[in-house]
Amino acid sequence: MHIKFPYRKILVPAGNGQRAQKSQLVPVIHIRIFNKEKYLDCLTYIDSGSPNCLFPGEYGEIIGIKNIESGHKRDFFGLTYGIDKVKIPFYSHSIEIEIGGYKFPCEGYFSRDYKSQALLGQYGFFNHFRVTFDFQKEEIELAWK
């Protein structure tokens, strides 16, 4: 199974001596996350530097995880997670992810303190796919392992 996704263009705000916004290509794809029958469609960054799949706590609440903090606690910090050197507690929960009609299990980490874009990382995403980033063609290809 192979699925291709286009890179997405996002606007980068002006700053650091830059006068106007500019667009930037990023590896962001639509996924669906499940907890039993409840699900949420969301945009996620494919982040080869993230060891795990990270989600804002509200995503977990939407899919029916009643108590985010009931999961196994793990602190994450660093630029890799878009957190900028701040330690944030995340809590793991067994969920499922669907991409292009294919569903697979994932240990997702949720935090009420995490306000950034959801991330697809090494365990839970890359361990299921061979991922090819082709910046020149502006596409991402996923091949089921």
N, C-alpha and C. Protein backbone atom coordinates (compact mmCIF):
# COMPACT_ATOMS: atom_id res chain seq x y z
N MET A 1 0.83 -1.16 0.00
CA MET A 1 0.00 0.00 0.00
C MET A 1 0.88 1.24 0.00
N HIS A 2 0.59 2.13 -0.91
CA HIS A 2 1.29 3.42 -1.00
C HIS A 2 0.26 4.54 -1.02
N ILE A 3 0.53 5.58 -0.26
CA ILE A 3 -0.32 6.76 -0.25
C ILE A 3 0.59 7.97 -0.42
N LYS A 4 0.18 8.90 -1.27
CA LYS A 4 0.94 10.13 -1.45
C LYS A 4 0.12 11.32 -0.98
N PHE A 5 0.82 12.25 -0.33
CA PHE A 5 0.22 13.48 0.15
C PHE A 5 1.06 14.65 -0.33
N PRO A 6 0.43 15.75 -0.70
CA PRO A 6 1.21 16.93 -1.04
C PRO A 6 1.70 17.62 0.23
N TYR A 7 2.87 18.23 0.14
CA TYR A 7 3.29 19.14 1.20
C TYR A 7 2.25 20.26 1.24
N ARG A 8 2.07 20.86 2.39
CA ARG A 8 1.14 21.99 2.52
C ARG A 8 1.93 23.28 2.67
N LYS A 9 1.38 24.33 2.09
CA LYS A 9 1.99 25.65 2.25
C LYS A 9 1.31 26.34 3.42
N ILE A 10 2.14 26.84 4.34
CA ILE A 10 1.61 27.62 5.45
C ILE A 10 2.24 29.00 5.39
N LEU A 11 1.54 29.96 5.95
CA LEU A 11 2.09 31.31 6.02
C LEU A 11 2.92 31.44 7.28
N VAL A 12 4.13 31.98 7.10
CA VAL A 12 5.03 32.23 8.21
C VAL A 12 4.94 33.72 8.52
N PRO A 13 4.61 34.07 9.76
CA PRO A 13 4.46 35.49 10.09
C PRO A 13 5.76 36.27 9.91
N ALA A 14 5.61 37.55 9.63
CA ALA A 14 6.77 38.44 9.51
C ALA A 14 7.44 38.53 10.88
N GLY A 15 8.73 38.78 10.86
CA GLY A 15 9.49 38.91 12.10
C GLY A 15 10.95 38.68 11.82
N ASN A 16 11.78 38.91 12.81
CA ASN A 16 13.23 38.74 12.67
C ASN A 16 13.77 39.47 11.43
N GLY A 17 13.38 40.73 11.27
CA GLY A 17 13.87 41.53 10.15
C GLY A 17 13.10 41.32 8.86
N GLN A 18 12.18 40.39 8.84
CA GLN A 18 11.38 40.12 7.64
C GLN A 18 10.15 41.02 7.67
N ARG A 19 9.85 41.69 6.56
CA ARG A 19 8.75 42.66 6.54
C ARG A 19 7.39 42.06 6.23
N ALA A 20 7.34 41.00 5.49
CA ALA A 20 6.06 40.44 5.06
C ALA A 20 6.01 38.94 5.33
N GLN A 21 4.78 38.42 5.37
CA GLN A 21 4.62 36.98 5.51
C GLN A 21 5.13 36.29 4.25
N LYS A 22 5.59 35.06 4.44
CA LYS A 22 5.96 34.25 3.28
C LYS A 22 5.42 32.84 3.51
N SER A 23 5.31 32.08 2.44
CA SER A 23 4.81 30.72 2.60
C SER A 23 5.97 29.75 2.73
N GLN A 24 5.69 28.64 3.40
CA GLN A 24 6.70 27.62 3.64
C GLN A 24 6.03 26.26 3.45
N LEU A 25 6.73 25.32 2.83
CA LEU A 25 6.21 23.96 2.65
C LEU A 25 6.47 23.14 3.90
N VAL A 26 5.44 22.41 4.37
CA VAL A 26 5.59 21.58 5.56
C VAL A 26 4.91 20.22 5.33
N PRO A 27 5.44 19.15 5.97
CA PRO A 27 4.83 17.82 5.85
C PRO A 27 3.68 17.64 6.84
N VAL A 28 2.51 18.13 6.46
CA VAL A 28 1.31 18.06 7.29
C VAL A 28 0.26 17.25 6.53
N ILE A 29 -0.36 16.29 7.22
CA ILE A 29 -1.38 15.46 6.58
C ILE A 29 -2.63 15.37 7.46
N HIS A 30 -3.75 15.02 6.81
CA HIS A 30 -5.01 14.75 7.52
C HIS A 30 -4.99 13.31 8.03
N ILE A 31 -5.36 13.14 9.29
CA ILE A 31 -5.54 11.80 9.85
C ILE A 31 -6.85 11.78 10.63
N ARG A 32 -7.24 10.60 11.05
CA ARG A 32 -8.37 10.42 11.95
C ARG A 32 -7.86 9.63 13.14
N ILE A 33 -8.10 10.15 14.37
CA ILE A 33 -7.72 9.40 15.57
C ILE A 33 -8.99 8.85 16.22
N PHE A 34 -8.89 7.62 16.72
CA PHE A 34 -10.03 6.90 17.29
C PHE A 34 -9.76 6.49 18.72
N ASN A 35 -10.83 6.50 19.51
CA ASN A 35 -10.89 5.84 20.80
C ASN A 35 -12.23 5.11 20.80
N LYS A 36 -12.18 3.83 20.54
CA LYS A 36 -13.40 3.03 20.36
C LYS A 36 -14.20 3.59 19.20
N GLU A 37 -15.43 4.06 19.45
CA GLU A 37 -16.29 4.54 18.36
C GLU A 37 -16.11 6.03 18.07
N LYS A 38 -15.54 6.76 19.01
CA LYS A 38 -15.39 8.20 18.83
C LYS A 38 -14.12 8.51 18.06
N TYR A 39 -14.19 9.55 17.23
CA TYR A 39 -13.03 9.91 16.43
C TYR A 39 -12.95 11.41 16.21
N LEU A 40 -11.79 11.84 15.74
CA LEU A 40 -11.54 13.24 15.42
C LEU A 40 -10.67 13.29 14.17
N ASP A 41 -11.07 14.09 13.19
CA ASP A 41 -10.24 14.35 12.03
C ASP A 41 -9.35 15.54 12.36
N CYS A 42 -8.06 15.42 12.08
CA CYS A 42 -7.15 16.51 12.42
C CYS A 42 -5.96 16.56 11.46
N LEU A 43 -5.33 17.72 11.43
CA LEU A 43 -4.09 17.90 10.69
C LEU A 43 -2.93 17.61 11.63
N THR A 44 -1.92 16.90 11.14
CA THR A 44 -0.76 16.57 11.97
C THR A 44 0.52 16.74 11.17
N TYR A 45 1.55 17.19 11.88
CA TYR A 45 2.88 17.25 11.29
C TYR A 45 3.50 15.86 11.33
N ILE A 46 4.17 15.48 10.26
CA ILE A 46 4.99 14.27 10.28
C ILE A 46 6.37 14.73 10.76
N ASP A 47 6.76 14.27 11.95
CA ASP A 47 7.98 14.78 12.59
C ASP A 47 8.94 13.63 12.87
N SER A 48 9.93 13.47 12.00
CA SER A 48 10.89 12.38 12.16
C SER A 48 11.76 12.55 13.40
N GLY A 49 11.79 13.74 13.98
CA GLY A 49 12.58 13.98 15.18
C GLY A 49 11.83 13.70 16.47
N SER A 50 10.54 13.45 16.38
CA SER A 50 9.74 13.18 17.58
C SER A 50 9.70 11.67 17.82
N PRO A 51 10.07 11.23 19.01
CA PRO A 51 10.01 9.79 19.26
C PRO A 51 8.59 9.24 19.40
N ASN A 52 7.62 10.10 19.71
CA ASN A 52 6.25 9.64 19.94
C ASN A 52 5.24 10.52 19.23
N CYS A 53 3.99 10.07 19.21
CA CYS A 53 2.88 10.84 18.64
C CYS A 53 2.27 11.68 19.75
N LEU A 54 2.26 13.00 19.54
CA LEU A 54 1.81 13.94 20.57
C LEU A 54 0.56 14.68 20.12
N PHE A 55 -0.38 14.83 21.06
CA PHE A 55 -1.65 15.47 20.76
C PHE A 55 -2.04 16.44 21.88
N PRO A 56 -2.70 17.55 21.53
CA PRO A 56 -3.27 18.40 22.58
C PRO A 56 -4.30 17.62 23.38
N GLY A 57 -4.41 17.92 24.67
CA GLY A 57 -5.34 17.21 25.55
C GLY A 57 -6.78 17.26 25.07
N GLU A 58 -7.18 18.38 24.47
CA GLU A 58 -8.58 18.50 24.01
C GLU A 58 -8.91 17.46 22.95
N TYR A 59 -7.92 17.01 22.17
CA TYR A 59 -8.17 15.96 21.18
C TYR A 59 -8.61 14.68 21.89
N GLY A 60 -7.91 14.35 22.99
CA GLY A 60 -8.27 13.17 23.77
C GLY A 60 -9.67 13.26 24.34
N GLU A 61 -10.02 14.44 24.83
CA GLU A 61 -11.37 14.63 25.38
C GLU A 61 -12.43 14.45 24.30
N ILE A 62 -12.18 14.98 23.11
CA ILE A 62 -13.14 14.87 22.01
C ILE A 62 -13.38 13.40 21.63
N ILE A 63 -12.33 12.58 21.68
CA ILE A 63 -12.50 11.17 21.31
C ILE A 63 -12.91 10.29 22.50
N GLY A 64 -13.24 10.93 23.62
CA GLY A 64 -13.82 10.18 24.73
C GLY A 64 -12.88 9.68 25.80
N ILE A 65 -11.65 10.17 25.84
CA ILE A 65 -10.77 9.81 26.95
C ILE A 65 -11.20 10.69 28.12
N LYS A 66 -11.86 10.08 29.10
CA LYS A 66 -12.49 10.86 30.16
C LYS A 66 -11.50 11.55 31.08
N ASN A 67 -10.40 10.91 31.36
CA ASN A 67 -9.41 11.49 32.25
C ASN A 67 -8.04 11.37 31.61
N ILE A 68 -7.61 12.43 30.95
CA ILE A 68 -6.31 12.42 30.25
C ILE A 68 -5.20 11.99 31.20
N GLU A 69 -5.22 12.50 32.43
CA GLU A 69 -4.15 12.24 33.40
C GLU A 69 -4.15 10.81 33.95
N SER A 70 -5.10 9.97 33.53
CA SER A 70 -5.11 8.58 33.99
C SER A 70 -4.08 7.72 33.27
N GLY A 71 -3.53 8.22 32.17
CA GLY A 71 -2.53 7.46 31.42
C GLY A 71 -1.16 7.52 32.08
N HIS A 72 -0.23 6.72 31.57
CA HIS A 72 1.15 6.72 32.08
C HIS A 72 1.78 8.08 31.79
N LYS A 73 2.33 8.73 32.80
CA LYS A 73 2.91 10.07 32.66
C LYS A 73 4.33 10.00 32.12
N ARG A 74 4.63 10.92 31.20
CA ARG A 74 5.98 11.06 30.67
C ARG A 74 6.18 12.55 30.34
N ASP A 75 7.27 13.12 30.85
CA ASP A 75 7.57 14.52 30.57
C ASP A 75 8.35 14.64 29.27
N PHE A 76 7.93 15.59 28.43
CA PHE A 76 8.63 15.89 27.19
C PHE A 76 9.07 17.35 27.24
N PHE A 77 10.19 17.63 26.62
CA PHE A 77 10.63 19.01 26.50
C PHE A 77 11.62 19.12 25.35
N GLY A 78 11.80 20.34 24.88
CA GLY A 78 12.78 20.57 23.83
C GLY A 78 12.15 21.11 22.57
N LEU A 79 12.97 21.62 21.70
CA LEU A 79 12.51 22.21 20.45
C LEU A 79 11.87 21.18 19.53
N THR A 80 12.25 19.91 19.67
CA THR A 80 11.71 18.86 18.81
C THR A 80 10.19 18.83 18.87
N TYR A 81 9.63 19.16 20.02
CA TYR A 81 8.19 19.06 20.21
C TYR A 81 7.47 20.40 20.05
N GLY A 82 8.15 21.42 19.60
CA GLY A 82 7.52 22.71 19.45
C GLY A 82 7.20 23.35 20.80
N ILE A 83 7.84 22.87 21.86
CA ILE A 83 7.54 23.34 23.21
C ILE A 83 8.54 24.40 23.65
N ASP A 84 9.68 24.49 23.00
CA ASP A 84 10.70 25.50 23.27
C ASP A 84 11.24 25.46 24.69
N LYS A 85 11.86 24.36 25.03
CA LYS A 85 12.60 24.17 26.28
C LYS A 85 11.75 24.20 27.54
N VAL A 86 10.48 23.97 27.44
CA VAL A 86 9.60 23.91 28.60
C VAL A 86 9.19 22.45 28.81
N LYS A 87 9.32 21.95 30.03
CA LYS A 87 8.93 20.57 30.32
C LYS A 87 7.40 20.52 30.45
N ILE A 88 6.78 19.61 29.71
CA ILE A 88 5.33 19.45 29.74
C ILE A 88 5.00 17.98 29.99
N PRO A 89 4.08 17.72 30.94
CA PRO A 89 3.66 16.34 31.20
C PRO A 89 2.65 15.87 30.14
N PHE A 90 2.92 14.69 29.59
CA PHE A 90 2.01 14.03 28.65
C PHE A 90 1.58 12.72 29.27
N TYR A 91 0.44 12.21 28.82
CA TYR A 91 -0.11 10.96 29.36
C TYR A 91 -0.47 10.05 28.19
N SER A 92 0.03 8.81 28.25
CA SER A 92 -0.17 7.88 27.13
C SER A 92 -1.53 7.18 27.21
N HIS A 93 -2.11 6.97 26.03
CA HIS A 93 -3.38 6.25 25.90
C HIS A 93 -3.35 5.47 24.60
N SER A 94 -3.90 4.26 24.64
CA SER A 94 -4.00 3.44 23.44
C SER A 94 -5.14 3.96 22.57
N ILE A 95 -4.78 4.35 21.35
CA ILE A 95 -5.76 4.86 20.39
C ILE A 95 -5.52 4.15 19.07
N GLU A 96 -6.29 4.51 18.07
CA GLU A 96 -6.05 4.04 16.71
C GLU A 96 -5.97 5.27 15.81
N ILE A 97 -5.19 5.12 14.76
CA ILE A 97 -5.05 6.18 13.75
C ILE A 97 -5.49 5.60 12.42
N GLU A 98 -6.19 6.40 11.64
CA GLU A 98 -6.56 6.01 10.29
C GLU A 98 -5.97 7.02 9.31
N ILE A 99 -5.28 6.48 8.31
CA ILE A 99 -4.69 7.30 7.25
C ILE A 99 -5.03 6.63 5.93
N GLY A 100 -5.68 7.36 5.05
CA GLY A 100 -6.01 6.83 3.74
C GLY A 100 -6.80 5.54 3.76
N GLY A 101 -7.69 5.38 4.75
CA GLY A 101 -8.51 4.17 4.85
C GLY A 101 -7.85 3.03 5.61
N TYR A 102 -6.60 3.18 6.04
CA TYR A 102 -5.90 2.14 6.78
C TYR A 102 -5.81 2.54 8.25
N LYS A 103 -6.23 1.62 9.12
CA LYS A 103 -6.30 1.87 10.55
C LYS A 103 -5.26 1.03 11.27
N PHE A 104 -4.59 1.63 12.27
CA PHE A 104 -3.56 0.89 13.01
C PHE A 104 -3.49 1.42 14.45
N PRO A 105 -2.99 0.58 15.37
CA PRO A 105 -2.90 1.00 16.78
C PRO A 105 -1.76 1.99 16.99
N CYS A 106 -1.94 2.83 18.01
CA CYS A 106 -0.93 3.84 18.33
C CYS A 106 -0.99 4.14 19.82
N GLU A 107 0.16 4.29 20.43
CA GLU A 107 0.22 4.79 21.80
C GLU A 107 0.37 6.29 21.68
N GLY A 108 -0.73 7.02 21.86
CA GLY A 108 -0.72 8.47 21.71
C GLY A 108 -0.49 9.15 23.05
N TYR A 109 0.22 10.25 23.02
CA TYR A 109 0.49 11.03 24.24
C TYR A 109 -0.29 12.33 24.18
N PHE A 110 -1.04 12.62 25.25
CA PHE A 110 -1.91 13.79 25.32
C PHE A 110 -1.52 14.67 26.49
N SER A 111 -1.65 15.99 26.30
CA SER A 111 -1.38 16.93 27.38
C SER A 111 -2.30 18.14 27.26
N ARG A 112 -2.87 18.54 28.38
CA ARG A 112 -3.68 19.76 28.41
C ARG A 112 -2.80 21.00 28.22
N ASP A 113 -1.52 20.89 28.54
CA ASP A 113 -0.60 22.03 28.43
C ASP A 113 0.02 22.17 27.03
N TYR A 114 -0.22 21.21 26.16
CA TYR A 114 0.36 21.24 24.81
C TYR A 114 -0.63 21.91 23.87
N LYS A 115 -0.24 23.05 23.31
CA LYS A 115 -1.14 23.84 22.46
C LYS A 115 -0.69 23.86 20.99
N SER A 116 0.36 23.14 20.66
CA SER A 116 0.89 23.12 19.30
C SER A 116 0.16 22.10 18.43
N GLN A 117 0.56 22.05 17.16
CA GLN A 117 0.01 21.10 16.20
C GLN A 117 0.34 19.68 16.62
N ALA A 118 -0.58 18.75 16.42
CA ALA A 118 -0.32 17.34 16.71
C ALA A 118 0.86 16.86 15.88
N LEU A 119 1.64 15.91 16.44
CA LEU A 119 2.83 15.39 15.78
C LEU A 119 2.73 13.88 15.63
N LEU A 120 3.13 13.37 14.47
CA LEU A 120 3.27 11.93 14.25
C LEU A 120 4.75 11.61 14.34
N GLY A 121 5.12 10.77 15.31
CA GLY A 121 6.53 10.49 15.57
C GLY A 121 6.93 9.05 15.28
N GLN A 122 8.12 8.70 15.76
CA GLN A 122 8.74 7.40 15.49
C GLN A 122 7.86 6.22 15.91
N TYR A 123 7.50 6.17 17.22
CA TYR A 123 6.68 5.07 17.72
C TYR A 123 5.21 5.45 17.60
N GLY A 124 4.48 4.66 16.87
CA GLY A 124 3.07 4.93 16.64
C GLY A 124 2.79 5.35 15.22
N PHE A 125 3.83 5.81 14.50
CA PHE A 125 3.63 6.20 13.10
C PHE A 125 4.75 5.64 12.22
N PHE A 126 5.98 6.10 12.42
CA PHE A 126 7.09 5.66 11.55
C PHE A 126 7.33 4.16 11.66
N ASN A 127 7.00 3.54 12.79
CA ASN A 127 7.19 2.09 12.89
C ASN A 127 6.17 1.31 12.06
N HIS A 128 5.14 1.99 11.52
CA HIS A 128 4.15 1.33 10.66
C HIS A 128 4.39 1.60 9.17
N PHE A 129 5.14 2.63 8.84
CA PHE A 129 5.31 3.05 7.45
C PHE A 129 6.77 3.28 7.09
N ARG A 130 7.06 3.13 5.82
CA ARG A 130 8.30 3.68 5.26
C ARG A 130 7.87 5.04 4.74
N VAL A 131 8.52 6.09 5.21
CA VAL A 131 8.12 7.45 4.88
C VAL A 131 9.18 8.08 3.97
N THR A 132 8.73 8.61 2.83
CA THR A 132 9.64 9.27 1.90
C THR A 132 9.21 10.73 1.76
N PHE A 133 10.12 11.62 2.11
CA PHE A 133 9.90 13.05 1.93
C PHE A 133 10.58 13.46 0.63
N ASP A 134 9.83 13.99 -0.32
CA ASP A 134 10.40 14.46 -1.59
C ASP A 134 10.06 15.94 -1.72
N PHE A 135 10.97 16.76 -1.23
CA PHE A 135 10.73 18.20 -1.18
C PHE A 135 10.63 18.80 -2.58
N GLN A 136 11.44 18.30 -3.53
CA GLN A 136 11.41 18.84 -4.91
C GLN A 136 10.05 18.58 -5.55
N LYS A 137 9.48 17.41 -5.34
CA LYS A 137 8.16 17.09 -5.90
C LYS A 137 7.03 17.60 -5.00
N GLU A 138 7.41 18.11 -3.83
CA GLU A 138 6.43 18.62 -2.84
C GLU A 138 5.43 17.53 -2.45
N GLU A 139 5.97 16.32 -2.17
CA GLU A 139 5.07 15.24 -1.75
C GLU A 139 5.72 14.33 -0.72
N ILE A 140 4.84 13.70 0.03
CA ILE A 140 5.22 12.72 1.04
C ILE A 140 4.60 11.40 0.61
N GLU A 141 5.38 10.34 0.65
CA GLU A 141 4.84 9.02 0.31
C GLU A 141 4.93 8.11 1.52
N LEU A 142 3.83 7.46 1.83
CA LEU A 142 3.78 6.47 2.89
C LEU A 142 3.61 5.11 2.27
N ALA A 143 4.45 4.16 2.67
CA ALA A 143 4.34 2.77 2.21
C ALA A 143 4.20 1.90 3.46
N TRP A 144 3.12 1.12 3.50
CA TRP A 144 2.85 0.24 4.63
C TRP A 144 3.97 -0.78 4.74
N LYS A 145 4.51 -0.98 5.95
CA LYS A 145 5.60 -1.96 6.15
C LYS A 145 5.05 -3.37 6.18
